[in-house]
């Protein structure tokens, strides 16, 4: 703020992110997400020495400098300091008012010329879980079980990088979405599950949260099969609850057919005795 107040090129400052969110847990790891609206934007972008003003840095990242610069109307410096603080500083040119945030977590800190709009009190409304359409819900259910066949084949072929990538980046994303909708249904879609589900621990029932964490296992066949069946159980529970709350129908056929494929065909090829198959009797 001292730099912004004294440098004539900086005309306005606002903050967003978790530090303006009244519902976010407060701790020492929260970033300072700051935006400067500036004159002489190219001067700032071409001479980065001004960021030395903010402290002794451990590490720096400039996302726009790591990609094709064309098409970016802003520039961002992400700085981690030796005292443990992190500052994400974004500059936008005063000539681009269209880039000024329309984010519900925006809090004005400085406005020398009255160029910033009147923002309502900061709140996390823009980040509340959104109610899924029937198509989105059905697609999530279908994709979750469809992609389980890919996970299963990867496990049985011992192609663990493929199996784990498919499981963690595709299948678990569908589970993540369904759990978010479950949270939304139980809170009238007036709550945030947090970025990447970081608030699952306080928004899901304890037993569901523990079940979610248990889906992340090791890379052996037995551990991966255990994760698969745990994920299926949890997805099924959440999806049926969401369907009931929203008046949708759960596709029992996709569920039962894929569980049959996994349990009797793929998993059965690995276990000599079908009784040894994880959850065999439960899903028979």
C-alpha atoms as a PDB file:
ATOM      1  CA  UNK A   1       0.000   0.000   0.000  1.00  0.00           C
ATOM      2  CA  UNK A   2       2.891   2.325   0.728  1.00  0.00           C
ATOM      3  CA  UNK A   3       4.322   1.738  -2.732  1.00  0.00           C
ATOM      4  CA  UNK A   4       0.924   2.258  -4.362  1.00  0.00           C
ATOM      5  CA  UNK A   5       0.246   5.467  -2.465  1.00  0.00           C
ATOM      6  CA  UNK A   6       3.570   7.053  -3.431  1.00  0.00           C
ATOM      7  CA  UNK A   7       3.952   5.846  -7.021  1.00  0.00           C
ATOM      8  CA  UNK A   8       1.938   8.113  -9.327  1.00  0.00           C
ATOM      9  CA  UNK A   9       1.625   5.370 -11.911  1.00  0.00           C
ATOM     10  CA  UNK A  10      -0.558   3.286  -9.577  1.00  0.00           C
ATOM     11  CA  UNK A  11      -4.085   4.715  -9.658  1.00  0.00           C
ATOM     12  CA  UNK A  12      -6.132   2.072  -7.842  1.00  0.00           C
ATOM     13  CA  UNK A  13      -5.653  -1.049  -5.737  1.00  0.00           C
ATOM     14  CA  UNK A  14      -8.017  -3.837  -4.817  1.00  0.00           C
ATOM     15  CA  UNK A  15      -7.710  -7.223  -3.122  1.00  0.00           C
ATOM     16  CA  UNK A  16      -9.557 -10.490  -3.618  1.00  0.00           C
ATOM     17  CA  UNK A  17      -9.091 -14.126  -2.694  1.00  0.00           C
ATOM     18  CA  UNK A  18      -9.312 -15.845   0.665  1.00  0.00           C
ATOM     19  CA  UNK A  19      -8.246 -12.790   2.683  1.00  0.00           C
ATOM     20  CA  UNK A  20     -11.452 -11.008   1.728  1.00  0.00           C
ATOM     21  CA  UNK A  21     -13.626 -14.093   2.228  1.00  0.00           C
ATOM     22  CA  UNK A  22     -15.400 -13.914   5.597  1.00  0.00           C
ATOM     23  CA  UNK A  23     -16.006 -17.674   5.458  1.00  0.00           C
ATOM     24  CA  UNK A  24     -12.411 -18.702   4.720  1.00  0.00           C
ATOM     25  CA  UNK A  25     -10.304 -20.116   7.562  1.00  0.00           C
ATOM     26  CA  UNK A  26      -7.669 -17.627   8.665  1.00  0.00           C
ATOM     27  CA  UNK A  27      -4.068 -18.789   8.881  1.00  0.00           C
ATOM     28  CA  UNK A  28      -0.507 -17.759   8.032  1.00  0.00           C
ATOM     29  CA  UNK A  29      -0.606 -19.449   4.628  1.00  0.00           C
ATOM     30  CA  UNK A  30      -3.199 -17.178   3.036  1.00  0.00           C
ATOM     31  CA  UNK A  31      -1.880 -15.323  -0.003  1.00  0.00           C
ATOM     32  CA  UNK A  32      -2.236 -11.609  -0.499  1.00  0.00           C
ATOM     33  CA  UNK A  33      -4.018 -11.341  -3.865  1.00  0.00           C
ATOM     34  CA  UNK A  34      -3.508  -7.721  -4.914  1.00  0.00           C
ATOM     35  CA  UNK A  35      -4.354  -5.911  -8.149  1.00  0.00           C
ATOM     36  CA  UNK A  36      -2.844  -2.592  -9.227  1.00  0.00           C
ATOM     37  CA  UNK A  37      -4.578  -0.519 -11.904  1.00  0.00           C
ATOM     38  CA  UNK A  38      -1.728   1.444 -13.449  1.00  0.00           C
ATOM     39  CA  UNK A  39      -0.582   3.946 -16.001  1.00  0.00           C
ATOM     40  CA  UNK A  40       2.556   3.146 -18.017  1.00  0.00           C
ATOM     41  CA  UNK A  41       1.751  -0.545 -17.970  1.00  0.00           C
ATOM     42  CA  UNK A  42       4.503  -1.460 -20.452  1.00  0.00           C
ATOM     43  CA  UNK A  43       7.070   0.326 -18.283  1.00  0.00           C
ATOM     44  CA  UNK A  44       6.170  -1.901 -15.334  1.00  0.00           C
ATOM     45  CA  UNK A  45       6.154  -5.013 -17.498  1.00  0.00           C
ATOM     46  CA  UNK A  46       9.563  -4.313 -19.024  1.00  0.00           C
ATOM     47  CA  UNK A  47      11.327  -3.363 -15.786  1.00  0.00           C
ATOM     48  CA  UNK A  48      10.622  -5.823 -12.980  1.00  0.00           C
ATOM     49  CA  UNK A  49      12.954  -4.187 -10.490  1.00  0.00           C
ATOM     50  CA  UNK A  50      10.082  -2.460  -8.681  1.00  0.00           C
ATOM     51  CA  UNK A  51       9.030  -5.735  -7.047  1.00  0.00           C
ATOM     52  CA  UNK A  52      12.260  -5.694  -4.998  1.00  0.00           C
ATOM     53  CA  UNK A  53      10.498  -3.072  -2.897  1.00  0.00           C
ATOM     54  CA  UNK A  54       8.217  -5.701  -1.353  1.00  0.00           C
ATOM     55  CA  UNK A  55      10.824  -7.768   0.466  1.00  0.00           C
ATOM     56  CA  UNK A  56      13.431 -10.514   0.363  1.00  0.00           C
ATOM     57  CA  UNK A  57      12.133 -13.186  -1.985  1.00  0.00           C
ATOM     58  CA  UNK A  58      12.642 -16.929  -1.836  1.00  0.00           C
ATOM     59  CA  UNK A  59      11.068 -17.572  -5.212  1.00  0.00           C
ATOM     60  CA  UNK A  60       9.310 -15.789  -8.045  1.00  0.00           C
ATOM     61  CA  UNK A  61       6.965 -16.885 -10.816  1.00  0.00           C
ATOM     62  CA  UNK A  62       5.641 -14.739 -13.683  1.00  0.00           C
ATOM     63  CA  UNK A  63       2.922 -16.827 -15.370  1.00  0.00           C
ATOM     64  CA  UNK A  64       2.461 -14.594 -18.404  1.00  0.00           C
ATOM     65  CA  UNK A  65       6.216 -14.684 -19.110  1.00  0.00           C
ATOM     66  CA  UNK A  66       6.058 -18.491 -19.198  1.00  0.00           C
ATOM     67  CA  UNK A  67       3.544 -18.560 -22.045  1.00  0.00           C
ATOM     68  CA  UNK A  68       2.920 -16.782 -25.318  1.00  0.00           C
ATOM     69  CA  UNK A  69       2.493 -13.157 -24.186  1.00  0.00           C
ATOM     70  CA  UNK A  70       0.038 -12.324 -26.967  1.00  0.00           C
ATOM     71  CA  UNK A  71      -3.525 -12.039 -25.771  1.00  0.00           C
ATOM     72  CA  UNK A  72      -2.757 -11.142 -22.156  1.00  0.00           C
ATOM     73  CA  UNK A  73      -3.854  -7.679 -21.106  1.00  0.00           C
ATOM     74  CA  UNK A  74      -2.445  -8.049 -17.612  1.00  0.00           C
ATOM     75  CA  UNK A  75       0.788  -9.186 -15.947  1.00  0.00           C
ATOM     76  CA  UNK A  76       1.246 -11.093 -12.714  1.00  0.00           C
ATOM     77  CA  UNK A  77       4.143 -11.534 -10.288  1.00  0.00           C
ATOM     78  CA  UNK A  78       3.752 -14.332  -7.720  1.00  0.00           C
ATOM     79  CA  UNK A  79       6.248 -13.846  -4.917  1.00  0.00           C
ATOM     80  CA  UNK A  80       7.156 -15.979  -1.910  1.00  0.00           C
ATOM     81  CA  UNK A  81       9.141 -14.103   0.739  1.00  0.00           C
ATOM     82  CA  UNK A  82      11.584 -15.292   3.357  1.00  0.00           C
ATOM     83  CA  UNK A  83       9.189 -14.286   6.142  1.00  0.00           C
ATOM     84  CA  UNK A  84       6.677 -16.824   4.794  1.00  0.00           C
ATOM     85  CA  UNK A  85       4.286 -14.349   3.187  1.00  0.00           C
ATOM     86  CA  UNK A  86       3.143 -14.757  -0.390  1.00  0.00           C
ATOM     87  CA  UNK A  87       2.044 -11.894  -2.613  1.00  0.00           C
ATOM     88  CA  UNK A  88       0.292 -12.418  -5.935  1.00  0.00           C
ATOM     89  CA  UNK A  89       0.473  -9.008  -7.576  1.00  0.00           C
ATOM     90  CA  UNK A  90      -1.407  -8.411 -10.819  1.00  0.00           C
ATOM     91  CA  UNK A  91      -1.113  -5.227 -12.874  1.00  0.00           C
ATOM     92  CA  UNK A  92      -3.717  -4.138 -15.384  1.00  0.00           C
ATOM     93  CA  UNK A  93      -3.515  -1.015 -17.559  1.00  0.00           C
ATOM     94  CA  UNK A  94      -5.846   1.837 -16.719  1.00  0.00           C
ATOM     95  CA  UNK A  95      -6.869   1.806 -20.377  1.00  0.00           C
ATOM     96  CA  UNK A  96      -8.485  -1.621 -19.853  1.00  0.00           C
ATOM     97  CA  UNK A  97     -11.355  -1.090 -17.375  1.00  0.00           C
ATOM     98  CA  UNK A  98     -12.903  -4.287 -18.778  1.00  0.00           C
ATOM     99  CA  UNK A  99     -10.203  -6.229 -16.914  1.00  0.00           C
ATOM    100  CA  UNK A 100     -11.223  -4.847 -13.523  1.00  0.00           C
ATOM    101  CA  UNK A 101     -12.580  -7.765 -11.505  1.00  0.00           C
ATOM    102  CA  UNK A 102     -16.279  -8.404 -11.194  1.00  0.00           C
ATOM    103  CA  UNK A 103     -15.575 -10.859  -8.407  1.00  0.00           C
ATOM    104  CA  UNK A 104     -17.767 -11.066  -5.311  1.00  0.00           C
ATOM    105  CA  UNK A 105     -14.623 -11.276  -3.159  1.00  0.00           C
ATOM    106  CA  UNK A 106     -13.290  -7.899  -4.325  1.00  0.00           C
ATOM    107  CA  UNK A 107     -12.385  -5.298  -1.698  1.00  0.00           C
ATOM    108  CA  UNK A 108     -11.207  -1.826  -2.713  1.00  0.00           C
ATOM    109  CA  UNK A 109      -8.056  -0.656  -0.910  1.00  0.00           C
ATOM    110  CA  UNK A 110      -7.199   2.515  -2.836  1.00  0.00           C
ATOM    111  CA  UNK A 111      -8.864   4.542  -5.601  1.00  0.00           C
ATOM    112  CA  UNK A 112      -7.096   7.794  -6.389  1.00  0.00           C
ATOM    113  CA  UNK A 113      -9.357   8.804  -9.263  1.00  0.00           C
ATOM    114  CA  UNK A 114     -12.677   7.139  -8.482  1.00  0.00           C
ATOM    115  CA  UNK A 115     -12.278   4.687 -11.362  1.00  0.00           C
ATOM    116  CA  UNK A 116     -13.330   1.508  -9.540  1.00  0.00           C
ATOM    117  CA  UNK A 117     -16.991   0.466  -9.424  1.00  0.00           C
ATOM    118  CA  UNK A 118     -18.893   0.243  -6.169  1.00  0.00           C
ATOM    119  CA  UNK A 119     -18.402  -3.314  -4.983  1.00  0.00           C
ATOM    120  CA  UNK A 120     -20.780  -4.888  -2.442  1.00  0.00           C
ATOM    121  CA  UNK A 121     -19.257  -6.206   0.784  1.00  0.00           C
ATOM    122  CA  UNK A 122     -16.921  -9.070  -0.073  1.00  0.00           C
ATOM    123  CA  UNK A 123     -18.607 -12.468  -0.008  1.00  0.00           C
ATOM    124  CA  UNK A 124     -18.039 -15.892  -1.560  1.00  0.00           C
ATOM    125  CA  UNK A 125     -21.289 -15.938  -3.542  1.00  0.00           C
ATOM    126  CA  UNK A 126     -19.504 -16.340  -6.882  1.00  0.00           C
ATOM    127  CA  UNK A 127     -17.927 -19.552  -5.599  1.00  0.00           C
ATOM    128  CA  UNK A 128     -20.991 -21.339  -4.267  1.00  0.00           C
ATOM    129  CA  UNK A 129     -21.627 -24.818  -5.617  1.00  0.00           C
ATOM    130  CA  UNK A 130     -23.876 -24.534  -8.660  1.00  0.00           C
ATOM    131  CA  UNK A 131     -26.864 -26.819  -9.166  1.00  0.00           C
ATOM    132  CA  UNK A 132     -26.154 -29.229 -12.049  1.00  0.00           C
ATOM    133  CA  UNK A 133     -28.548 -29.568 -14.941  1.00  0.00           C
ATOM    134  CA  UNK A 134     -30.019 -33.012 -15.514  1.00  0.00           C
ATOM    135  CA  UNK A 135     -27.737 -33.428 -18.541  1.00  0.00           C
ATOM    136  CA  UNK A 136     -24.637 -32.480 -16.537  1.00  0.00           C
ATOM    137  CA  UNK A 137     -25.633 -34.830 -13.724  1.00  0.00           C
ATOM    138  CA  UNK A 138     -26.327 -37.733 -16.096  1.00  0.00           C
ATOM    139  CA  UNK A 139     -23.083 -37.100 -17.983  1.00  0.00           C
ATOM    140  CA  UNK A 140     -21.074 -37.133 -14.765  1.00  0.00           C
ATOM    141  CA  UNK A 141     -22.565 -40.474 -13.723  1.00  0.00           C
ATOM    142  CA  UNK A 142     -22.028 -42.011 -17.141  1.00  0.00           C
ATOM    143  CA  UNK A 143     -18.437 -40.809 -17.428  1.00  0.00           C
ATOM    144  CA  UNK A 144     -17.524 -41.994 -13.926  1.00  0.00           C
ATOM    145  CA  UNK A 145     -18.497 -45.582 -14.643  1.00  0.00           C
ATOM    146  CA  UNK A 146     -17.435 -45.589 -18.301  1.00  0.00           C
ATOM    147  CA  UNK A 147     -13.896 -44.522 -17.424  1.00  0.00           C
ATOM    148  CA  UNK A 148     -13.661 -47.152 -14.697  1.00  0.00           C
ATOM    149  CA  UNK A 149     -13.144 -49.727 -17.453  1.00  0.00           C
ATOM    150  CA  UNK A 150     -10.000 -47.829 -18.471  1.00  0.00           C
ATOM    151  CA  UNK A 151      -8.768 -47.823 -14.896  1.00  0.00           C
ATOM    152  CA  UNK A 152      -9.483 -51.533 -14.608  1.00  0.00           C
ATOM    153  CA  UNK A 153      -7.614 -52.412 -17.799  1.00  0.00           C
ATOM    154  CA  UNK A 154      -4.659 -50.327 -16.690  1.00  0.00           C
ATOM    155  CA  UNK A 155      -4.510 -52.110 -13.355  1.00  0.00           C
ATOM    156  CA  UNK A 156      -4.694 -55.576 -14.876  1.00  0.00           C
ATOM    157  CA  UNK A 157      -2.051 -54.757 -17.495  1.00  0.00           C
ATOM    158  CA  UNK A 158       0.088 -53.294 -14.705  1.00  0.00           C
ATOM    159  CA  UNK A 159       0.214 -50.035 -16.644  1.00  0.00           C
ATOM    160  CA  UNK A 160       0.060 -48.144 -13.385  1.00  0.00           C
ATOM    161  CA  UNK A 161       0.945 -44.644 -14.654  1.00  0.00           C
ATOM    162  CA  UNK A 162      -1.996 -44.875 -17.080  1.00  0.00           C
ATOM    163  CA  UNK A 163      -4.321 -46.418 -14.494  1.00  0.00           C
ATOM    164  CA  UNK A 164      -3.463 -43.841 -11.846  1.00  0.00           C
ATOM    165  CA  UNK A 165      -3.723 -40.900 -14.239  1.00  0.00           C
ATOM    166  CA  UNK A 166      -7.117 -42.110 -15.442  1.00  0.00           C
ATOM    167  CA  UNK A 167      -8.291 -42.706 -11.887  1.00  0.00           C
ATOM    168  CA  UNK A 168      -6.996 -39.538 -10.266  1.00  0.00           C
ATOM    169  CA  UNK A 169      -7.507 -37.001 -13.052  1.00  0.00           C
ATOM    170  CA  UNK A 170     -10.708 -38.285 -14.686  1.00  0.00           C
ATOM    171  CA  UNK A 171     -12.659 -40.591 -12.409  1.00  0.00           C
ATOM    172  CA  UNK A 172     -11.888 -38.760  -9.174  1.00  0.00           C
ATOM    173  CA  UNK A 173     -12.848 -35.465 -10.820  1.00  0.00           C
ATOM    174  CA  UNK A 174     -16.319 -36.877 -11.435  1.00  0.00           C
ATOM    175  CA  UNK A 175     -16.457 -38.013  -7.811  1.00  0.00           C
ATOM    176  CA  UNK A 176     -15.301 -34.547  -6.766  1.00  0.00           C
ATOM    177  CA  UNK A 177     -18.119 -32.937  -8.780  1.00  0.00           C
ATOM    178  CA  UNK A 178     -20.732 -35.271  -7.338  1.00  0.00           C
ATOM    179  CA  UNK A 179     -19.589 -34.635  -3.773  1.00  0.00           C
ATOM    180  CA  UNK A 180     -19.699 -30.888  -4.437  1.00  0.00           C
ATOM    181  CA  UNK A 181     -23.312 -31.222  -5.634  1.00  0.00           C
ATOM    182  CA  UNK A 182     -24.086 -33.309  -2.570  1.00  0.00           C
ATOM    183  CA  UNK A 183     -22.766 -30.473  -0.417  1.00  0.00           C
ATOM    184  CA  UNK A 184     -24.778 -27.979  -2.440  1.00  0.00           C
ATOM    185  CA  UNK A 185     -27.988 -29.961  -2.031  1.00  0.00           C
ATOM    186  CA  UNK A 186     -27.541 -30.154   1.729  1.00  0.00           C
ATOM    187  CA  UNK A 187     -26.927 -26.394   1.958  1.00  0.00           C
ATOM    188  CA  UNK A 188     -29.448 -24.994  -0.558  1.00  0.00           C
ATOM    189  CA  UNK A 189     -26.541 -24.300  -2.942  1.00  0.00           C
ATOM    190  CA  UNK A 190     -25.476 -21.409  -0.713  1.00  0.00           C
ATOM    191  CA  UNK A 191     -22.024 -22.662   0.270  1.00  0.00           C
ATOM    192  CA  UNK A 192     -18.598 -23.073  -1.318  1.00  0.00           C
ATOM    193  CA  UNK A 193     -16.759 -26.399  -1.330  1.00  0.00           C
ATOM    194  CA  UNK A 194     -13.490 -24.503  -1.826  1.00  0.00           C
ATOM    195  CA  UNK A 195     -10.945 -24.630  -4.594  1.00  0.00           C
ATOM    196  CA  UNK A 196     -10.267 -28.281  -5.501  1.00  0.00           C
ATOM    197  CA  UNK A 197     -12.567 -29.347  -2.665  1.00  0.00           C
ATOM    198  CA  UNK A 198     -10.358 -27.907   0.060  1.00  0.00           C
ATOM    199  CA  UNK A 199     -13.410 -27.373   2.292  1.00  0.00           C
ATOM    200  CA  UNK A 200     -14.687 -30.938   1.920  1.00  0.00           C
ATOM    201  CA  UNK A 201     -13.445 -31.623   5.443  1.00  0.00           C
ATOM    202  CA  UNK A 202     -15.900 -29.150   6.947  1.00  0.00           C
ATOM    203  CA  UNK A 203     -18.782 -29.427   4.450  1.00  0.00           C
ATOM    204  CA  UNK A 204     -19.119 -33.216   4.057  1.00  0.00           C
ATOM    205  CA  UNK A 205     -20.359 -35.547   6.805  1.00  0.00           C
ATOM    206  CA  UNK A 206     -17.360 -36.973   8.630  1.00  0.00           C
ATOM    207  CA  UNK A 207     -17.868 -40.534   7.390  1.00  0.00           C
ATOM    208  CA  UNK A 208     -18.129 -39.391   3.764  1.00  0.00           C
ATOM    209  CA  UNK A 209     -15.016 -37.270   4.085  1.00  0.00           C
ATOM    210  CA  UNK A 210     -13.063 -40.186   5.529  1.00  0.00           C
ATOM    211  CA  UNK A 211     -14.363 -42.402   2.724  1.00  0.00           C
ATOM    212  CA  UNK A 212     -13.231 -39.820   0.171  1.00  0.00           C
ATOM    213  CA  UNK A 213      -9.715 -39.692   1.611  1.00  0.00           C
ATOM    214  CA  UNK A 214      -9.540 -43.490   1.661  1.00  0.00           C
ATOM    215  CA  UNK A 215      -9.939 -43.522  -2.139  1.00  0.00           C
ATOM    216  CA  UNK A 216      -6.370 -42.306  -2.452  1.00  0.00           C
ATOM    217  CA  UNK A 217      -4.271 -45.442  -2.076  1.00  0.00           C
ATOM    218  CA  UNK A 218      -1.031 -46.906  -3.334  1.00  0.00           C
ATOM    219  CA  UNK A 219       0.048 -48.206  -6.735  1.00  0.00           C
ATOM    220  CA  UNK A 220      -0.102 -51.953  -6.161  1.00  0.00           C
ATOM    221  CA  UNK A 221      -2.868 -53.998  -7.751  1.00  0.00           C
ATOM    222  CA  UNK A 222      -4.600 -54.706  -4.462  1.00  0.00           C
ATOM    223  CA  UNK A 223      -4.403 -51.097  -3.306  1.00  0.00           C
ATOM    224  CA  UNK A 224      -5.685 -49.754  -6.593  1.00  0.00           C
ATOM    225  CA  UNK A 225      -8.571 -52.215  -6.693  1.00  0.00           C
ATOM    226  CA  UNK A 226      -9.462 -51.196  -3.158  1.00  0.00           C
ATOM    227  CA  UNK A 227      -9.473 -47.530  -4.218  1.00  0.00           C
ATOM    228  CA  UNK A 228     -11.674 -48.318  -7.217  1.00  0.00           C
ATOM    229  CA  UNK A 229     -14.361 -50.049  -5.180  1.00  0.00           C
ATOM    230  CA  UNK A 230     -14.269 -47.438  -2.418  1.00  0.00           C
ATOM    231  CA  UNK A 231     -14.697 -44.682  -5.006  1.00  0.00           C
ATOM    232  CA  UNK A 232     -17.624 -46.530  -6.580  1.00  0.00           C
ATOM    233  CA  UNK A 233     -19.343 -46.959  -3.223  1.00  0.00           C
ATOM    234  CA  UNK A 234     -18.954 -43.307  -2.335  1.00  0.00           C
ATOM    235  CA  UNK A 235     -19.985 -42.057  -5.783  1.00  0.00           C
ATOM    236  CA  UNK A 236     -23.101 -44.233  -5.687  1.00  0.00           C
ATOM    237  CA  UNK A 237     -24.119 -42.932  -2.276  1.00  0.00           C
ATOM    238  CA  UNK A 238     -23.636 -39.288  -3.203  1.00  0.00           C
ATOM    239  CA  UNK A 239     -25.192 -39.608  -6.665  1.00  0.00           C
ATOM    240  CA  UNK A 240     -28.361 -41.247  -5.357  1.00  0.00           C
ATOM    241  CA  UNK A 241     -28.746 -38.558  -2.704  1.00  0.00           C
ATOM    242  CA  UNK A 242     -28.259 -35.789  -5.276  1.00  0.00           C
ATOM    243  CA  UNK A 243     -30.760 -37.406  -7.641  1.00  0.00           C
ATOM    244  CA  UNK A 244     -33.345 -37.625  -4.874  1.00  0.00           C
ATOM    245  CA  UNK A 245     -32.856 -33.995  -3.819  1.00  0.00           C
ATOM    246  CA  UNK A 246     -33.001 -32.637  -7.386  1.00  0.00           C
ATOM    247  CA  UNK A 247     -35.745 -34.889  -8.704  1.00  0.00           C
ATOM    248  CA  UNK A 248     -33.412 -36.669 -11.116  1.00  0.00           C
ATOM    249  CA  UNK A 249     -33.058 -40.402 -11.705  1.00  0.00           C
ATOM    250  CA  UNK A 250     -29.897 -42.376 -11.022  1.00  0.00           C
ATOM    251  CA  UNK A 251     -28.738 -44.700 -13.817  1.00  0.00           C
ATOM    252  CA  UNK A 252     -28.701 -48.011 -11.984  1.00  0.00           C
ATOM    253  CA  UNK A 253     -27.982 -49.873 -15.218  1.00  0.00           C
ATOM    254  CA  UNK A 254     -24.614 -48.211 -15.897  1.00  0.00           C
ATOM    255  CA  UNK A 255     -23.631 -48.753 -12.283  1.00  0.00           C
ATOM    256  CA  UNK A 256     -24.538 -52.446 -12.101  1.00  0.00           C
ATOM    257  CA  UNK A 257     -23.186 -53.296 -15.537  1.00  0.00           C
ATOM    258  CA  UNK A 258     -19.809 -51.684 -14.957  1.00  0.00           C
ATOM    259  CA  UNK A 259     -19.519 -53.234 -11.496  1.00  0.00           C
ATOM    260  CA  UNK A 260     -20.228 -56.603 -13.116  1.00  0.00           C
ATOM    261  CA  UNK A 261     -17.522 -55.985 -15.711  1.00  0.00           C
ATOM    262  CA  UNK A 262     -14.967 -54.893 -13.124  1.00  0.00           C
ATOM    263  CA  UNK A 263     -15.760 -57.552 -10.557  1.00  0.00           C
ATOM    264  CA  UNK A 264     -16.379 -60.626 -12.665  1.00  0.00           C
ATOM    265  CA  UNK A 265     -14.315 -60.056 -15.806  1.00  0.00           C
ATOM    266  CA  UNK A 266     -11.329 -57.873 -15.015  1.00  0.00           C
ATOM    267  CA  UNK A 267     -10.805 -58.405 -11.309  1.00  0.00           C
ATOM    268  CA  UNK A 268     -11.732 -62.045 -11.757  1.00  0.00           C
ATOM    269  CA  UNK A 269      -8.813 -62.492 -14.116  1.00  0.00           C
ATOM    270  CA  UNK A 270      -6.453 -61.524 -11.329  1.00  0.00           C
ATOM    271  CA  UNK A 271      -7.935 -63.511  -8.448  1.00  0.00           C
ATOM    272  CA  UNK A 272      -7.967 -67.302  -8.697  1.00  0.00           C
ATOM    273  CA  UNK A 273     -10.952 -67.559  -6.379  1.00  0.00           C
ATOM    274  CA  UNK A 274     -13.834 -65.161  -6.979  1.00  0.00           C
ATOM    275  CA  UNK A 275     -14.401 -65.015  -3.219  1.00  0.00           C
ATOM    276  CA  UNK A 276     -11.056 -63.223  -2.921  1.00  0.00           C
ATOM    277  CA  UNK A 277     -12.213 -60.395  -5.174  1.00  0.00           C
ATOM    278  CA  UNK A 278     -12.585 -57.187  -3.109  1.00  0.00           C
ATOM    279  CA  UNK A 279     -16.255 -56.550  -2.249  1.00  0.00           C
ATOM    280  CA  UNK A 280     -17.279 -59.497  -4.451  1.00  0.00           C
ATOM    281  CA  UNK A 281     -20.211 -60.628  -2.317  1.00  0.00           C
ATOM    282  CA  UNK A 282     -21.339 -57.037  -1.810  1.00  0.00           C
ATOM    283  CA  UNK A 283     -21.548 -56.309  -5.536  1.00  0.00           C
ATOM    284  CA  UNK A 284     -22.490 -59.783  -6.823  1.00  0.00           C
END
